[in-house]
Amino acid sequence: MLNVSIHKKLDHFILDTHFEIKQGITGIIGPSGCGKSLTLQSIAGLQKPSSGKVVLNNHSLFDSGNSINIKTRHRRIGYVFQNYALFPHLTVKQNIAYGLKGMKKEVIEQKVAEMIETVRLAGYEHHFPSQLSGGQQQRVALARTLVTEPELLLLDEPFSALDYHVKDILEQELLAIIRKSYSGIVLLVTHNLEEAYRLCDHIILMDKGKVIQYGSKNEILCKPANVRAAQIIGCKNIFPIDGLYQEEHLISVQIGKIRLYTHPSERLDAQFMGIHAERIRLLEAEHFDTHLLNVFDFTILEMLDGINHLNMKVQIANSDIVINVHVMKETWRILSHKKLKIQLPAGHICLLM
């Protein structure tokens, strides 16, 4: 278990973050400059917090109250940097072995050989970083970290330097290596929600140096804690609530001239409503269940083609709503000749503070 409660004051920024995470992969998401990488650096000992505690598996790594500040090399933390930070003058084998200094030569040889096999770099042992692709360099950096058997693995935007067409492959490779060869805690910094959703079990949302929400990835996506959390996870439809009423087994929400219904919630004092653009459905007016809730006529204001989806801005009454519809262009040509309605599914409406 990792417990972090730290405060660090810089000239124009204050990091004041608190969280507790267990085994598995946890992602830290937030806008640029919110303190994600600074949090990792503080945990690893590369930055010294002004005050607070960092406790890993019941061992204090930093405790300002008791003057504890364990040196980075003794923290049993692995850190994979954004640019991999490989030694350019060392071979793949030498880079991986770097953190094993002090061990017997035969032990080092065995550990390095096993790790090279794990990350599928056999045959590249004597190559230098400049002779490797970005993906291969990433695997060397991961191998160099995992070979030391750290209790905590920190990944600082490990895919940001890679081309788009190789990211998906390398994400799966990284996930497979971690699942197979590592049983500790993983903390992944990313600005990409989809990447975090694919790789992580839990997510921490950060903004302006503070944690604003922590939970399972599904909880974060479906139940953002507040308006800022909803914005960070990419919710494009957020509206102030004009009225909120309990009606038998449902809650009705008044948004301008629109009356919506959602499922019971503890947030009866919510001030805003949100719904993801991807959750809104297109329905054929002649073929839908008339018992469905939140079905409306609409007017298209703007439409932008994607590769396999349409981004649309539509108007219902006096409210503009963004929709992301996953249909092919050929399908849309057929649908566009029919009378359509849209539905804002009750189960996907979020009440926000």
Protein backbone atom coordinates (compact mmCIF):
# COMPACT_ATOMS: atom_id res chain seq x y z
CA MET A 1 0.00 0.00 0.00
CA LEU A 2 1.15 3.53 -0.79
CA ASN A 3 0.08 6.43 1.42
CA VAL A 4 0.90 9.93 0.19
CA SER A 5 0.12 13.13 2.06
CA ILE A 6 2.51 15.84 0.96
CA HIS A 7 2.70 19.61 0.65
CA LYS A 8 5.28 21.35 -1.52
CA LYS A 9 5.41 25.07 -2.18
CA LEU A 10 7.12 26.43 -5.27
CA ASP A 11 7.33 30.04 -6.49
CA HIS A 12 4.07 29.97 -8.43
CA PHE A 13 2.57 26.61 -7.51
CA ILE A 14 1.49 24.65 -4.45
CA LEU A 15 1.27 20.85 -4.44
CA ASP A 16 -1.07 19.66 -1.68
CA THR A 17 -1.96 16.08 -2.49
CA HIS A 18 -3.36 13.21 -0.43
CA PHE A 19 -4.21 9.65 -1.54
CA GLU A 20 -3.87 5.98 -0.64
CA ILE A 21 -3.54 3.23 -3.25
CA LYS A 22 -3.13 -0.54 -3.23
CA GLN A 23 -1.79 -3.13 -5.67
CA GLY A 24 -2.70 -2.79 -9.32
CA ILE A 25 -2.31 0.03 -11.79
CA THR A 26 -3.52 3.49 -10.78
CA GLY A 27 -3.49 6.37 -13.25
CA ILE A 28 -3.02 10.03 -12.40
CA ILE A 29 -4.87 12.28 -14.87
CA GLY A 30 -5.08 16.05 -15.02
CA PRO A 31 -4.26 19.07 -17.17
CA SER A 32 -0.69 20.11 -17.88
CA GLY A 33 0.90 21.77 -14.88
CA CYS A 34 -1.47 20.27 -12.30
CA GLY A 35 1.34 18.51 -10.40
CA LYS A 36 1.26 14.96 -11.79
CA SER A 37 4.98 14.55 -12.46
CA LEU A 38 5.90 16.56 -9.36
CA THR A 39 3.90 14.06 -7.30
CA LEU A 40 5.87 11.15 -8.78
CA GLN A 41 9.17 12.94 -8.24
CA SER A 42 8.26 13.63 -4.61
CA ILE A 43 7.36 9.98 -4.02
CA ALA A 44 10.62 8.82 -5.62
CA GLY A 45 12.75 11.26 -3.61
CA LEU A 46 13.83 13.32 -6.61
CA GLN A 47 11.98 16.28 -5.08
CA LYS A 48 11.72 16.97 -1.34
CA PRO A 49 8.25 17.98 -0.13
CA SER A 50 7.99 20.95 2.21
CA SER A 51 6.04 18.79 4.65
CA GLY A 52 4.02 15.60 4.90
CA LYS A 53 4.51 11.84 4.63
CA VAL A 54 5.18 9.14 2.05
CA VAL A 55 4.68 5.59 3.36
CA LEU A 56 5.21 2.51 1.19
CA ASN A 57 4.13 -0.87 2.57
CA ASN A 58 4.34 0.44 6.15
CA HIS A 59 7.86 1.87 5.65
CA SER A 60 8.25 5.64 5.93
CA LEU A 61 10.15 7.04 2.95
CA PHE A 62 9.53 10.64 3.93
CA ASP A 63 8.17 12.10 7.15
CA SER A 64 8.81 15.77 7.82
CA GLY A 65 7.59 15.44 11.42
CA ASN A 66 10.21 12.79 12.24
CA SER A 67 12.99 14.09 9.95
CA ILE A 68 12.85 11.00 7.71
CA ASN A 69 13.95 11.36 4.10
CA ILE A 70 15.21 8.07 2.65
CA LYS A 71 17.59 8.50 -0.28
CA THR A 72 16.19 7.72 -3.70
CA ARG A 73 18.39 4.67 -4.30
CA HIS A 74 17.19 3.05 -1.08
CA ARG A 75 13.44 3.53 -1.63
CA ARG A 76 12.84 0.38 -3.73
CA ILE A 77 11.00 2.45 -6.29
CA GLY A 78 11.32 2.00 -10.05
CA TYR A 79 10.91 5.08 -12.22
CA VAL A 80 10.41 5.02 -16.01
CA PHE A 81 10.87 8.55 -17.30
CA GLN A 82 9.07 10.13 -20.23
CA ASN A 83 12.27 10.12 -22.30
CA TYR A 84 13.40 6.73 -20.85
CA ALA A 85 16.73 8.23 -19.57
CA LEU A 86 18.85 5.37 -20.96
CA PHE A 87 22.62 5.68 -20.80
CA PRO A 88 23.64 6.27 -24.45
CA HIS A 89 27.15 4.82 -23.96
CA LEU A 90 25.89 1.55 -22.48
CA THR A 91 24.46 -1.43 -24.34
CA VAL A 92 21.01 -2.89 -23.70
CA LYS A 93 22.53 -5.49 -21.39
CA GLN A 94 24.61 -2.91 -19.52
CA ASN A 95 21.66 -0.54 -19.13
CA ILE A 96 19.50 -3.27 -17.62
CA ALA A 97 22.31 -4.41 -15.30
CA TYR A 98 23.05 -0.90 -14.08
CA GLY A 99 20.82 -1.08 -11.00
CA LEU A 100 22.25 -4.44 -9.89
CA LYS A 101 25.70 -3.20 -8.93
CA GLY A 102 27.09 -4.95 -5.88
CA MET A 103 25.56 -8.35 -6.67
CA LYS A 104 27.59 -11.38 -7.68
CA LYS A 105 28.40 -11.47 -11.39
CA GLU A 106 26.59 -14.76 -11.99
CA VAL A 107 23.44 -13.43 -10.28
CA ILE A 108 23.51 -10.29 -12.42
CA GLU A 109 23.97 -12.36 -15.58
CA GLN A 110 21.01 -14.57 -14.72
CA LYS A 111 18.67 -11.72 -13.77
CA VAL A 112 19.53 -9.68 -16.87
CA ALA A 113 19.14 -12.69 -19.17
CA GLU A 114 15.71 -13.47 -17.71
CA MET A 115 14.59 -9.86 -18.05
CA ILE A 116 15.80 -9.60 -21.65
CA GLU A 117 13.71 -12.68 -22.43
CA THR A 118 10.69 -11.21 -20.60
CA VAL A 119 10.72 -7.97 -22.59
CA ARG A 120 11.53 -9.79 -25.85
CA LEU A 121 14.86 -8.15 -26.58
CA ALA A 122 16.88 -11.30 -27.20
CA GLY A 123 19.41 -10.58 -29.92
CA TYR A 124 19.66 -6.89 -28.97
CA GLU A 125 21.87 -7.36 -25.89
CA HIS A 126 24.83 -5.53 -27.43
CA HIS A 127 22.92 -2.77 -29.18
CA PHE A 128 23.16 0.81 -27.98
CA PRO A 129 20.03 2.96 -27.39
CA SER A 130 20.63 4.91 -30.61
CA GLN A 131 20.29 1.64 -32.53
CA LEU A 132 16.84 0.88 -31.08
CA SER A 133 13.34 1.99 -31.96
CA GLY A 134 11.28 4.01 -29.50
CA GLY A 135 9.36 0.92 -28.46
CA GLN A 136 12.54 -1.06 -27.88
CA GLN A 137 14.01 1.76 -25.82
CA GLN A 138 10.85 1.76 -23.71
CA ARG A 139 11.22 -1.96 -23.07
CA VAL A 140 14.85 -1.48 -22.03
CA ALA A 141 13.81 1.26 -19.59
CA LEU A 142 11.07 -0.96 -18.16
CA ALA A 143 13.44 -3.95 -17.91
CA ARG A 144 16.09 -1.83 -16.14
CA THR A 145 13.44 -0.84 -13.61
CA LEU A 146 11.78 -4.24 -13.07
CA VAL A 147 15.08 -6.15 -12.72
CA THR A 148 15.66 -4.39 -9.37
CA GLU A 149 12.33 -5.82 -8.07
CA PRO A 150 10.86 -2.51 -6.86
CA GLU A 151 7.87 -2.37 -4.53
CA LEU A 152 6.47 0.60 -6.48
CA LEU A 153 6.69 1.29 -10.21
CA LEU A 154 6.28 4.89 -11.40
CA LEU A 155 5.55 5.49 -15.10
CA ASP A 156 5.70 9.12 -16.23
CA GLU A 157 3.79 9.43 -19.55
CA PRO A 158 5.58 6.41 -21.04
CA PHE A 159 3.80 6.66 -24.41
CA SER A 160 3.97 10.39 -25.07
CA ALA A 161 7.16 10.16 -27.16
CA LEU A 162 5.84 7.38 -29.39
CA ASP A 163 4.15 7.59 -32.77
CA TYR A 164 0.40 7.05 -32.76
CA HIS A 165 0.49 3.87 -34.85
CA VAL A 166 2.71 1.99 -32.35
CA LYS A 167 1.09 3.18 -29.11
CA ASP A 168 -1.65 0.54 -29.02
CA ILE A 169 0.83 -2.29 -29.56
CA LEU A 170 3.22 -0.99 -26.91
CA GLU A 171 0.43 -0.38 -24.41
CA GLN A 172 -0.55 -4.04 -24.68
CA GLU A 173 3.10 -5.12 -24.43
CA LEU A 174 3.61 -2.99 -21.33
CA LEU A 175 0.43 -4.30 -19.73
CA ALA A 176 1.37 -7.91 -20.50
CA ILE A 177 4.87 -7.49 -19.02
CA ILE A 178 3.53 -5.87 -15.86
CA ARG A 179 0.76 -8.46 -15.41
CA LYS A 180 3.22 -11.32 -15.93
CA SER A 181 6.34 -10.07 -14.17
CA TYR A 182 5.29 -7.55 -11.54
CA SER A 183 2.98 -7.84 -8.52
CA GLY A 184 3.63 -4.49 -6.85
CA ILE A 185 1.97 -1.08 -7.07
CA VAL A 186 2.01 0.85 -10.36
CA LEU A 187 1.38 4.58 -10.60
CA LEU A 188 0.97 5.84 -14.17
CA VAL A 189 0.92 9.53 -15.10
CA THR A 190 -0.93 10.36 -18.31
CA HIS A 191 -3.02 13.16 -19.80
CA ASN A 192 -4.95 10.68 -21.95
CA LEU A 193 -8.18 9.38 -20.40
CA GLU A 194 -8.59 6.58 -22.95
CA GLU A 195 -5.05 5.39 -22.24
CA ALA A 196 -5.75 5.40 -18.50
CA TYR A 197 -9.02 3.54 -19.02
CA ARG A 198 -7.32 0.82 -21.07
CA LEU A 199 -4.40 0.32 -18.69
CA CYS A 200 -5.54 1.24 -15.19
CA ASP A 201 -7.69 -0.28 -12.48
CA HIS A 202 -8.16 2.99 -10.57
CA ILE A 203 -7.79 6.66 -11.46
CA ILE A 204 -6.76 9.77 -9.54
CA LEU A 205 -7.96 13.09 -10.95
CA MET A 206 -5.72 16.06 -10.15
CA ASP A 207 -6.21 19.78 -10.66
CA LYS A 208 -4.11 22.72 -9.45
CA GLY A 209 -1.97 20.58 -7.20
CA LYS A 210 -4.84 18.76 -5.48
CA VAL A 211 -6.58 15.41 -5.81
CA ILE A 212 -10.21 16.13 -6.67
CA GLN A 213 -11.38 12.51 -7.06
CA TYR A 214 -10.13 8.95 -6.65
CA GLY A 215 -11.94 5.74 -7.53
CA SER A 216 -12.30 2.85 -9.95
CA LYS A 217 -12.05 3.83 -13.61
CA ASN A 218 -15.74 3.14 -14.15
CA GLU A 219 -16.73 5.22 -11.14
CA ILE A 220 -14.61 8.15 -12.35
CA LEU A 221 -16.10 7.96 -15.83
CA CYS A 222 -19.73 7.47 -14.78
CA LYS A 223 -19.86 9.50 -11.57
CA PRO A 224 -17.51 12.49 -11.66
CA ALA A 225 -17.45 14.20 -8.27
CA ASN A 226 -17.95 17.75 -9.53
CA VAL A 227 -17.95 19.99 -12.59
CA ARG A 228 -14.15 20.21 -12.74
CA ALA A 229 -13.81 16.43 -12.58
CA ALA A 230 -16.35 16.10 -15.40
CA GLN A 231 -14.41 18.59 -17.52
CA ILE A 232 -11.12 16.76 -16.97
CA ILE A 233 -12.58 13.45 -18.13
CA GLY A 234 -13.92 15.11 -21.28
CA CYS A 235 -17.61 15.61 -20.55
CA LYS A 236 -18.75 18.09 -23.23
CA ASN A 237 -22.33 18.60 -21.98
CA ILE A 238 -22.54 20.37 -18.62
CA PHE A 239 -25.52 22.56 -17.75
CA PRO A 240 -26.65 24.52 -14.68
CA ILE A 241 -29.71 22.99 -13.06
CA ASP A 242 -32.81 25.18 -12.80
CA GLY A 243 -34.80 22.66 -10.77
CA LEU A 244 -34.32 19.26 -9.17
CA TYR A 245 -37.28 17.21 -7.93
CA GLN A 246 -37.87 13.76 -6.47
CA GLU A 247 -40.67 11.99 -8.36
CA GLU A 248 -41.50 8.50 -7.05
CA HIS A 249 -38.65 6.29 -8.31
CA LEU A 250 -36.96 8.93 -10.44
CA ILE A 251 -35.45 12.39 -10.17
CA SER A 252 -36.53 15.07 -12.61
CA VAL A 253 -34.04 17.71 -13.67
CA GLN A 254 -35.02 21.01 -15.26
CA ILE A 255 -32.46 22.41 -17.72
CA GLY A 256 -33.84 25.55 -19.32
CA LYS A 257 -36.96 24.38 -21.15
CA ILE A 258 -35.93 20.70 -21.02
CA ARG A 259 -37.23 18.27 -18.40
CA LEU A 260 -35.01 15.20 -17.96
CA TYR A 261 -35.31 12.14 -15.74
CA THR A 262 -32.53 10.26 -14.03
CA HIS A 263 -32.17 7.52 -11.46
CA PRO A 264 -32.22 8.18 -7.69
CA SER A 265 -29.12 9.92 -6.38
CA GLU A 266 -27.74 11.16 -3.11
CA ARG A 267 -26.93 14.45 -4.83
CA LEU A 268 -30.27 16.18 -4.42
CA ASP A 269 -28.42 19.45 -3.85
CA ALA A 270 -26.56 19.18 -7.18
CA GLN A 271 -26.10 22.42 -9.10
CA PHE A 272 -25.10 21.01 -12.50
CA MET A 273 -25.99 18.15 -14.81
CA GLY A 274 -23.64 16.44 -17.22
CA ILE A 275 -23.74 13.73 -19.87
CA HIS A 276 -20.96 12.42 -22.10
CA ALA A 277 -21.37 13.10 -25.82
CA GLU A 278 -20.75 9.39 -26.51
CA ARG A 279 -23.69 8.33 -24.31
CA ILE A 280 -26.37 10.17 -26.30
CA ARG A 281 -28.30 7.94 -28.73
CA LEU A 282 -29.86 8.52 -32.11
CA LEU A 283 -33.26 6.88 -32.58
CA GLU A 284 -35.47 6.42 -35.61
CA ALA A 285 -38.72 8.26 -34.85
CA GLU A 286 -40.88 5.45 -36.25
CA HIS A 287 -39.11 2.59 -34.47
CA PHE A 288 -38.42 3.26 -30.81
CA ASP A 289 -39.99 2.26 -27.54
CA THR A 290 -42.38 5.05 -26.54
CA HIS A 291 -41.72 4.24 -22.88
CA LEU A 292 -38.13 5.43 -23.17
CA LEU A 293 -37.26 8.45 -21.07
CA ASN A 294 -35.60 11.66 -22.26
CA VAL A 295 -36.39 11.38 -25.98
CA PHE A 296 -36.47 14.67 -27.92
CA ASP A 297 -36.77 16.19 -31.34
CA PHE A 298 -33.68 18.15 -32.33
CA THR A 299 -32.18 20.48 -34.89
CA ILE A 300 -28.66 19.95 -36.22
CA LEU A 301 -26.49 23.07 -35.84
CA GLU A 302 -23.07 21.71 -36.79
CA MET A 303 -21.66 18.40 -37.99
CA LEU A 304 -18.06 17.24 -38.38
CA ASP A 305 -17.01 13.91 -39.89
CA GLY A 306 -14.62 11.66 -38.01
CA ILE A 307 -13.05 8.44 -39.30
CA ASN A 308 -15.81 6.23 -37.90
CA HIS A 309 -18.01 8.68 -36.05
CA LEU A 310 -19.84 11.99 -36.35
CA ASN A 311 -19.37 14.94 -34.03
CA MET A 312 -22.62 16.87 -33.95
CA LYS A 313 -23.92 19.94 -32.18
CA VAL A 314 -27.69 19.88 -31.95
CA GLN A 315 -30.33 22.03 -30.32
CA ILE A 316 -33.17 20.85 -28.09
CA ALA A 317 -35.52 23.67 -27.18
CA ASN A 318 -33.04 26.42 -26.26
CA SER A 319 -30.12 24.17 -25.25
CA ASP A 320 -27.15 23.22 -27.43
CA ILE A 321 -25.89 19.66 -26.94
CA VAL A 322 -22.82 17.91 -28.35
CA ILE A 323 -23.20 14.33 -29.62
CA ASN A 324 -20.53 11.87 -30.69
CA VAL A 325 -22.25 9.25 -32.84
CA HIS A 326 -20.31 6.11 -33.79
CA VAL A 327 -21.66 5.47 -37.27
CA MET A 328 -20.02 5.09 -40.65
CA LYS A 329 -20.73 7.74 -43.29
CA GLU A 330 -22.72 5.25 -45.37
CA THR A 331 -24.95 4.50 -42.36
CA TRP A 332 -25.46 8.21 -41.74
CA ARG A 333 -26.56 8.74 -45.37
CA ILE A 334 -29.30 6.21 -44.79
CA LEU A 335 -30.28 7.61 -41.38
CA SER A 336 -30.29 11.21 -42.57
CA HIS A 337 -33.25 10.51 -44.86
CA LYS A 338 -35.34 9.39 -41.89
CA LYS A 339 -36.91 11.35 -39.07
CA LEU A 340 -34.65 11.01 -36.06
CA LYS A 341 -34.86 11.74 -32.37
CA ILE A 342 -32.18 11.71 -29.70
CA GLN A 343 -32.21 10.14 -26.28
CA LEU A 344 -30.26 11.20 -23.20
CA PRO A 345 -30.31 7.88 -21.31
CA ALA A 346 -31.33 8.31 -17.66
CA GLY A 347 -28.58 5.99 -16.48
CA HIS A 348 -25.88 8.16 -18.01
CA ILE A 349 -26.97 11.53 -16.60
CA CYS A 350 -24.57 12.78 -13.92
CA LEU A 351 -25.60 15.16 -11.16
CA LEU A 352 -22.67 17.39 -10.28
CA MET A 353 -21.69 19.73 -7.48
